[in-house]
Amino acid sequence: MRRVSYRFRTMAALGAAASALLVAGAPATAAGLRVNVTGTSTKPKVGDRWTLTVAAPGAKSGKVRVDVLMGGKVVQTVANGEPLRGGKWSITQKWPGIAKGRTMVFRGTVTSGKRRGSGQLKVTVRG
């Protein structure tokens, strides 16, 4: 497997509620904390600006971890212990050419005090 560039690793954590076109990901609840993982699109094109947001409506603060999974295995951790601000964490990047044709799952986990929850979003990059 090819080494993944820093740009791709950073891009994998993409997110922020900057677009009105956000597509809802699958929310999950664990130990009472609901987490939503959303992206601008679930089928972005190479070169598109794309935003990934991890939101925990029941938490004002906490820590966020975002893992990128391919084939059910974690291939990259793009956020590990990043602060949750106002219940959200996000990043925006452009999709690099190396992502073309790949399907990946972004799994966001939020820990706030003793509560924890996770959610995920499946994304397939078009050429």
C-alpha atoms as a PDB file:
ATOM      1  CA  MET A   1       0.000   0.000   0.000  1.00  0.00           C
ATOM      2  CA  ARG A   2       1.247   3.479  -0.853  1.00  0.00           C
ATOM      3  CA  ARG A   3       2.288   5.872   1.853  1.00  0.00           C
ATOM      4  CA  VAL A   4      -0.454   8.444   2.395  1.00  0.00           C
ATOM      5  CA  SER A   5       0.631  12.057   2.102  1.00  0.00           C
ATOM      6  CA  TYR A   6       0.258  14.552   4.965  1.00  0.00           C
ATOM      7  CA  ARG A   7      -2.240  16.489   2.864  1.00  0.00           C
ATOM      8  CA  PHE A   8      -4.429  13.393   2.475  1.00  0.00           C
ATOM      9  CA  ARG A   9      -4.175  12.562   6.179  1.00  0.00           C
ATOM     10  CA  THR A  10      -5.197  16.099   7.083  1.00  0.00           C
ATOM     11  CA  MET A  11      -7.919  16.109   4.452  1.00  0.00           C
ATOM     12  CA  ALA A  12      -9.338  12.930   5.896  1.00  0.00           C
ATOM     13  CA  ALA A  13     -10.480  14.792   8.999  1.00  0.00           C
ATOM     14  CA  LEU A  14     -12.270  17.383   6.932  1.00  0.00           C
ATOM     15  CA  GLY A  15     -15.072  19.395   8.384  1.00  0.00           C
ATOM     16  CA  ALA A  16     -17.038  22.475   9.597  1.00  0.00           C
ATOM     17  CA  ALA A  17     -20.620  23.514   9.238  1.00  0.00           C
ATOM     18  CA  ALA A  18     -19.662  25.999   6.508  1.00  0.00           C
ATOM     19  CA  SER A  19     -22.001  24.659   3.852  1.00  0.00           C
ATOM     20  CA  ALA A  20     -25.756  24.608   3.624  1.00  0.00           C
ATOM     21  CA  LEU A  21     -25.397  21.342   1.701  1.00  0.00           C
ATOM     22  CA  LEU A  22     -24.411  19.220   4.688  1.00  0.00           C
ATOM     23  CA  VAL A  23     -25.486  15.618   4.431  1.00  0.00           C
ATOM     24  CA  ALA A  24     -26.304  13.916   7.715  1.00  0.00           C
ATOM     25  CA  GLY A  25     -24.211  10.936   8.750  1.00  0.00           C
ATOM     26  CA  ALA A  26     -25.362   8.126  10.979  1.00  0.00           C
ATOM     27  CA  PRO A  27     -25.769   9.368  14.536  1.00  0.00           C
ATOM     28  CA  ALA A  28     -24.917   7.072  17.408  1.00  0.00           C
ATOM     29  CA  THR A  29     -25.472   7.092  21.125  1.00  0.00           C
ATOM     30  CA  ALA A  30     -23.116   5.499  23.646  1.00  0.00           C
ATOM     31  CA  ALA A  31     -23.293   6.108  27.372  1.00  0.00           C
ATOM     32  CA  GLY A  32     -25.814   8.882  26.781  1.00  0.00           C
ATOM     33  CA  LEU A  33     -23.830  11.027  24.311  1.00  0.00           C
ATOM     34  CA  ARG A  34     -25.247  11.438  20.802  1.00  0.00           C
ATOM     35  CA  VAL A  35     -22.670  12.146  18.051  1.00  0.00           C
ATOM     36  CA  ASN A  36     -23.376  13.225  14.459  1.00  0.00           C
ATOM     37  CA  VAL A  37     -20.719  13.021  11.735  1.00  0.00           C
ATOM     38  CA  THR A  38     -21.614  15.036   8.619  1.00  0.00           C
ATOM     39  CA  GLY A  39     -19.899  16.105   5.431  1.00  0.00           C
ATOM     40  CA  THR A  40     -20.620  18.492   2.599  1.00  0.00           C
ATOM     41  CA  SER A  41     -21.287  15.459   0.381  1.00  0.00           C
ATOM     42  CA  THR A  42     -20.987  11.686   0.566  1.00  0.00           C
ATOM     43  CA  LYS A  43     -19.706  11.588  -3.047  1.00  0.00           C
ATOM     44  CA  PRO A  44     -17.275  14.508  -3.442  1.00  0.00           C
ATOM     45  CA  LYS A  45     -15.059  14.967  -6.500  1.00  0.00           C
ATOM     46  CA  VAL A  46     -11.265  15.221  -6.498  1.00  0.00           C
ATOM     47  CA  GLY A  47     -10.396  18.912  -6.044  1.00  0.00           C
ATOM     48  CA  ASP A  48     -13.667  19.769  -4.282  1.00  0.00           C
ATOM     49  CA  ARG A  49     -13.547  21.704  -1.022  1.00  0.00           C
ATOM     50  CA  TRP A  50     -15.164  19.436   1.535  1.00  0.00           C
ATOM     51  CA  THR A  51     -16.121  20.003   5.127  1.00  0.00           C
ATOM     52  CA  LEU A  52     -16.368  17.342   7.834  1.00  0.00           C
ATOM     53  CA  THR A  53     -18.122  18.123  11.103  1.00  0.00           C
ATOM     54  CA  VAL A  54     -18.339  16.083  14.277  1.00  0.00           C
ATOM     55  CA  ALA A  55     -21.082  17.363  16.570  1.00  0.00           C
ATOM     56  CA  ALA A  56     -22.234  16.274  20.006  1.00  0.00           C
ATOM     57  CA  PRO A  57     -25.343  18.348  20.774  1.00  0.00           C
ATOM     58  CA  GLY A  58     -25.362  17.270  24.433  1.00  0.00           C
ATOM     59  CA  ALA A  59     -21.770  18.357  25.087  1.00  0.00           C
ATOM     60  CA  LYS A  60     -20.453  21.921  25.237  1.00  0.00           C
ATOM     61  CA  SER A  61     -16.854  20.774  25.655  1.00  0.00           C
ATOM     62  CA  GLY A  62     -14.867  17.589  25.336  1.00  0.00           C
ATOM     63  CA  LYS A  63     -12.316  15.822  23.161  1.00  0.00           C
ATOM     64  CA  VAL A  64     -12.724  14.555  19.594  1.00  0.00           C
ATOM     65  CA  ARG A  65     -11.047  11.644  17.823  1.00  0.00           C
ATOM     66  CA  VAL A  66     -11.578  11.065  14.106  1.00  0.00           C
ATOM     67  CA  ASP A  67     -10.404   7.839  12.491  1.00  0.00           C
ATOM     68  CA  VAL A  68     -10.452   7.072   8.774  1.00  0.00           C
ATOM     69  CA  LEU A  69     -11.338   3.466   7.972  1.00  0.00           C
ATOM     70  CA  MET A  70     -10.857   1.664   4.676  1.00  0.00           C
ATOM     71  CA  GLY A  71     -11.977  -1.933   4.362  1.00  0.00           C
ATOM     72  CA  GLY A  72     -13.010  -1.872   8.013  1.00  0.00           C
ATOM     73  CA  LYS A  73      -9.493  -1.056   9.239  1.00  0.00           C
ATOM     74  CA  VAL A  74      -8.235   2.229  10.664  1.00  0.00           C
ATOM     75  CA  VAL A  75      -5.760   3.658   8.140  1.00  0.00           C
ATOM     76  CA  GLN A  76      -5.350   7.069   9.728  1.00  0.00           C
ATOM     77  CA  THR A  77      -6.249   9.035  12.823  1.00  0.00           C
ATOM     78  CA  VAL A  78      -6.749  12.631  11.792  1.00  0.00           C
ATOM     79  CA  ALA A  79      -7.831  14.100  15.107  1.00  0.00           C
ATOM     80  CA  ASN A  80      -6.830  12.715  18.467  1.00  0.00           C
ATOM     81  CA  GLY A  81      -7.830  14.702  21.513  1.00  0.00           C
ATOM     82  CA  GLU A  82      -8.822  17.810  19.547  1.00  0.00           C
ATOM     83  CA  PRO A  83     -11.031  20.167  21.587  1.00  0.00           C
ATOM     84  CA  LEU A  84     -14.779  20.194  21.053  1.00  0.00           C
ATOM     85  CA  ARG A  85     -15.940  23.830  20.993  1.00  0.00           C
ATOM     86  CA  GLY A  86     -19.608  24.617  21.471  1.00  0.00           C
ATOM     87  CA  GLY A  87     -20.440  20.992  20.802  1.00  0.00           C
ATOM     88  CA  LYS A  88     -18.662  20.866  17.396  1.00  0.00           C
ATOM     89  CA  TRP A  89     -15.323  20.163  15.719  1.00  0.00           C
ATOM     90  CA  SER A  90     -14.692  20.594  12.013  1.00  0.00           C
ATOM     91  CA  ILE A  91     -12.150  20.974   9.237  1.00  0.00           C
ATOM     92  CA  THR A  92     -12.303  21.920   5.538  1.00  0.00           C
ATOM     93  CA  GLN A  93      -9.871  20.692   2.870  1.00  0.00           C
ATOM     94  CA  LYS A  94      -9.707  19.837  -0.821  1.00  0.00           C
ATOM     95  CA  TRP A  95      -9.791  16.197  -1.910  1.00  0.00           C
ATOM     96  CA  PRO A  96      -6.435  15.159  -3.431  1.00  0.00           C
ATOM     97  CA  GLY A  97      -6.101  12.965  -6.523  1.00  0.00           C
ATOM     98  CA  ILE A  98      -4.870  10.016  -4.426  1.00  0.00           C
ATOM     99  CA  ALA A  99      -8.400   9.699  -2.981  1.00  0.00           C
ATOM    100  CA  LYS A 100     -10.056   9.116  -6.405  1.00  0.00           C
ATOM    101  CA  GLY A 101     -12.231   6.017  -6.449  1.00  0.00           C
ATOM    102  CA  ARG A 102     -11.696   5.258  -2.770  1.00  0.00           C
ATOM    103  CA  THR A 103     -14.418   4.618  -0.237  1.00  0.00           C
ATOM    104  CA  MET A 104     -13.681   5.488   3.355  1.00  0.00           C
ATOM    105  CA  VAL A 105     -15.568   5.798   6.604  1.00  0.00           C
ATOM    106  CA  PHE A 106     -14.962   8.728   8.934  1.00  0.00           C
ATOM    107  CA  ARG A 107     -15.620   7.644  12.523  1.00  0.00           C
ATOM    108  CA  GLY A 108     -15.913  10.474  15.031  1.00  0.00           C
ATOM    109  CA  THR A 109     -15.753   9.755  18.762  1.00  0.00           C
ATOM    110  CA  VAL A 110     -16.461  12.386  21.395  1.00  0.00           C
ATOM    111  CA  THR A 111     -15.594  12.126  25.078  1.00  0.00           C
ATOM    112  CA  SER A 112     -17.134  14.697  27.409  1.00  0.00           C
ATOM    113  CA  GLY A 113     -16.565  14.062  31.086  1.00  0.00           C
ATOM    114  CA  LYS A 114     -17.648  10.466  31.746  1.00  0.00           C
ATOM    115  CA  ARG A 115     -19.879  10.361  28.665  1.00  0.00           C
ATOM    116  CA  ARG A 116     -18.756   9.016  25.310  1.00  0.00           C
ATOM    117  CA  GLY A 117     -20.355   8.519  21.915  1.00  0.00           C
ATOM    118  CA  SER A 118     -19.472   7.952  18.292  1.00  0.00           C
ATOM    119  CA  GLY A 119     -20.923   8.260  14.816  1.00  0.00           C
ATOM    120  CA  GLN A 120     -19.719   7.655  11.284  1.00  0.00           C
ATOM    121  CA  LEU A 121     -20.013   8.831   7.692  1.00  0.00           C
ATOM    122  CA  LYS A 122     -19.241   6.782   4.567  1.00  0.00           C
ATOM    123  CA  VAL A 123     -17.677   8.743   1.692  1.00  0.00           C
ATOM    124  CA  THR A 124     -16.757   7.675  -1.858  1.00  0.00           C
ATOM    125  CA  VAL A 125     -14.517  10.070  -3.820  1.00  0.00           C
ATOM    126  CA  ARG A 126     -15.281  10.539  -7.511  1.00  0.00           C
ATOM    127  CA  GLY A 127     -12.792  11.480 -10.239  1.00  0.00           C
END
